[in-house]
Amino acid sequence: IEFNGFANTKMLGQYSAQIPVDSMRALLTEIEIKGYFGLKDSYEEYQMTDLPTVFTEVEIDGVLKKIKHYQGDLTTPQALSGLETRIDEIAATRRWLE
């Protein structure tokens, strides 16, 4: 897991951590089931203001997918928001955010 905090986080800068293999396998399964690679590359409609932007990046078997998600975009599929939450849970990103 790589984290880059550049504003409005407890920790600024780049941090990394490792997660258990079983957790990673479960996450990869969820990524495939929820169709991450079929989602758009960005969700950036400003239907609400002053919300964070989340960047996710997943590479499987040499195929790289990046998504930029402004959390004020109400057209964002629930699958993406759910995956972002799941990644945060598995990675324990709260340690860098709060």
Protein backbone atom coordinates (compact mmCIF):
# COMPACT_ATOMS: atom_id res chain seq x y z
CA ILE A 1 0.00 0.00 0.00
CA GLU A 2 1.31 3.44 -0.89
CA PHE A 3 -0.12 6.62 0.61
CA ASN A 4 0.68 10.15 -0.49
CA GLY A 5 -0.71 12.81 1.83
CA PHE A 6 -0.36 16.31 0.44
CA ALA A 7 -3.15 18.25 2.17
CA ASN A 8 -5.71 17.90 4.95
CA THR A 9 -4.21 14.73 6.40
CA LYS A 10 -2.49 13.95 9.68
CA MET A 11 0.65 12.80 7.89
CA LEU A 12 2.09 14.68 4.94
CA GLY A 13 4.35 12.94 2.47
CA GLN A 14 4.68 9.41 1.18
CA TYR A 15 4.20 6.32 3.32
CA SER A 16 3.99 2.64 2.56
CA ALA A 17 2.85 -0.47 4.35
CA GLN A 18 2.23 -4.11 3.64
CA ILE A 19 -0.96 -6.06 4.17
CA PRO A 20 -1.43 -9.80 4.70
CA VAL A 21 -1.51 -11.93 1.54
CA ASP A 22 -4.97 -13.31 2.37
CA SER A 23 -6.35 -9.77 2.68
CA MET A 24 -4.83 -8.84 -0.66
CA ARG A 25 -6.31 -11.90 -2.37
CA ALA A 26 -9.75 -11.06 -0.99
CA LEU A 27 -9.40 -7.46 -2.18
CA LEU A 28 -8.34 -8.54 -5.67
CA THR A 29 -11.36 -10.82 -5.86
CA GLU A 30 -13.62 -7.94 -4.86
CA ILE A 31 -11.95 -5.67 -7.44
CA GLU A 32 -12.72 -8.20 -10.16
CA ILE A 33 -16.29 -8.88 -9.00
CA LYS A 34 -17.13 -5.17 -8.82
CA GLY A 35 -15.69 -4.52 -12.28
CA TYR A 36 -13.03 -1.97 -11.33
CA PHE A 37 -11.26 -2.31 -14.69
CA GLY A 38 -14.51 -1.53 -16.53
CA LEU A 39 -15.16 1.74 -14.68
CA LYS A 40 -14.39 5.16 -16.18
CA ASP A 41 -10.97 6.69 -15.53
CA SER A 42 -12.46 9.64 -13.70
CA TYR A 43 -15.56 10.80 -11.86
CA GLU A 44 -15.17 14.55 -11.49
CA GLU A 45 -18.56 16.25 -11.75
CA TYR A 46 -18.77 18.95 -9.08
CA GLN A 47 -22.33 18.42 -7.85
CA MET A 48 -21.20 19.18 -4.29
CA THR A 49 -18.20 21.26 -3.27
CA ASP A 50 -15.35 21.05 -0.76
CA LEU A 51 -15.04 17.27 -0.76
CA PRO A 52 -11.87 15.20 -1.17
CA THR A 53 -10.60 13.51 -4.29
CA VAL A 54 -9.57 9.86 -4.13
CA PHE A 55 -7.06 8.32 -6.51
CA THR A 56 -6.90 4.55 -6.83
CA GLU A 57 -4.47 2.55 -8.91
CA VAL A 58 -4.58 -1.20 -9.44
CA GLU A 59 -2.27 -3.34 -11.53
CA ILE A 60 -3.05 -7.00 -12.21
CA ASP A 61 -1.02 -9.13 -14.61
CA GLY A 62 0.60 -6.07 -16.15
CA VAL A 63 -2.71 -4.27 -16.75
CA LEU A 64 -2.81 -0.92 -14.96
CA LYS A 65 -5.99 1.00 -14.15
CA LYS A 66 -6.13 4.41 -12.45
CA ILE A 67 -9.28 6.20 -11.33
CA LYS A 68 -9.65 9.77 -10.10
CA HIS A 69 -12.81 10.19 -8.00
CA TYR A 70 -14.03 13.52 -6.68
CA GLN A 71 -16.34 12.54 -3.84
CA GLY A 72 -18.81 15.27 -4.75
CA ASP A 73 -19.61 13.49 -8.02
CA LEU A 74 -22.98 11.88 -7.37
CA THR A 75 -22.80 9.85 -10.60
CA THR A 76 -20.02 7.66 -9.18
CA PRO A 77 -20.97 3.98 -9.10
CA GLN A 78 -21.45 2.58 -5.61
CA ALA A 79 -19.04 -0.21 -6.57
CA LEU A 80 -16.16 2.29 -6.73
CA SER A 81 -17.05 4.00 -3.46
CA GLY A 82 -17.34 0.60 -1.80
CA LEU A 83 -13.93 -0.48 -3.10
CA GLU A 84 -12.35 2.74 -1.85
CA THR A 85 -13.78 2.09 1.60
CA ARG A 86 -12.62 -1.52 1.52
CA ILE A 87 -9.09 -0.49 0.51
CA ASP A 88 -9.00 2.00 3.40
CA GLU A 89 -10.13 -0.72 5.82
CA ILE A 90 -7.60 -3.30 4.67
CA ALA A 91 -4.76 -0.78 4.45
CA ALA A 92 -5.66 0.85 7.78
CA THR A 93 -5.18 4.28 6.18
CA ARG A 94 -6.81 5.92 9.18
CA ARG A 95 -3.34 5.99 10.80
CA TRP A 96 -2.26 8.53 8.17
CA LEU A 97 -5.49 10.51 7.93
CA GLU A 98 -6.57 11.32 11.49
